[in-house]
């Protein structure tokens, strides 16, 4: 009946132009076409949509599982990274300590070298003085 009302709004089937018997026949034909063509197509579309929904649900479940696995991997990597950062900080502190020790040793060696040079210079001076005393005694 809804199809007939739609047709009558467009002016195709109006009272006075079509006899009541023809009108019933047109309505019957439209209803048969609707039942034979449109309803089966709608049912197929509904089934296809339901199938797609089921497939999507499966994929969503799979994706959620993959996301969970990725989150676990990221958590594990985050923990590893934190441990690496702690170790790196410890190594940086140790390296800094080693550098400080090397600087201290370098300063000590410089001081020892200066003292050694001073001793050598003083020995050279004493050698010259001894040579002068030997020349005077000879």
Foldseek 3Di string as FASTA:
>chain_A
DVVLVVCVVVVPDDPPVDDPVVSVVVVVVVVVCCVVPVVVVVVVVVVVVVVVVVVVVVVVVVVVVVVVVVVVVVVVVVVVVVVVVVVVVVVVVVVVVVVVVVVVVVVVVVVVVVVVVVVVVVVVVVVVVVVVVVVVVD
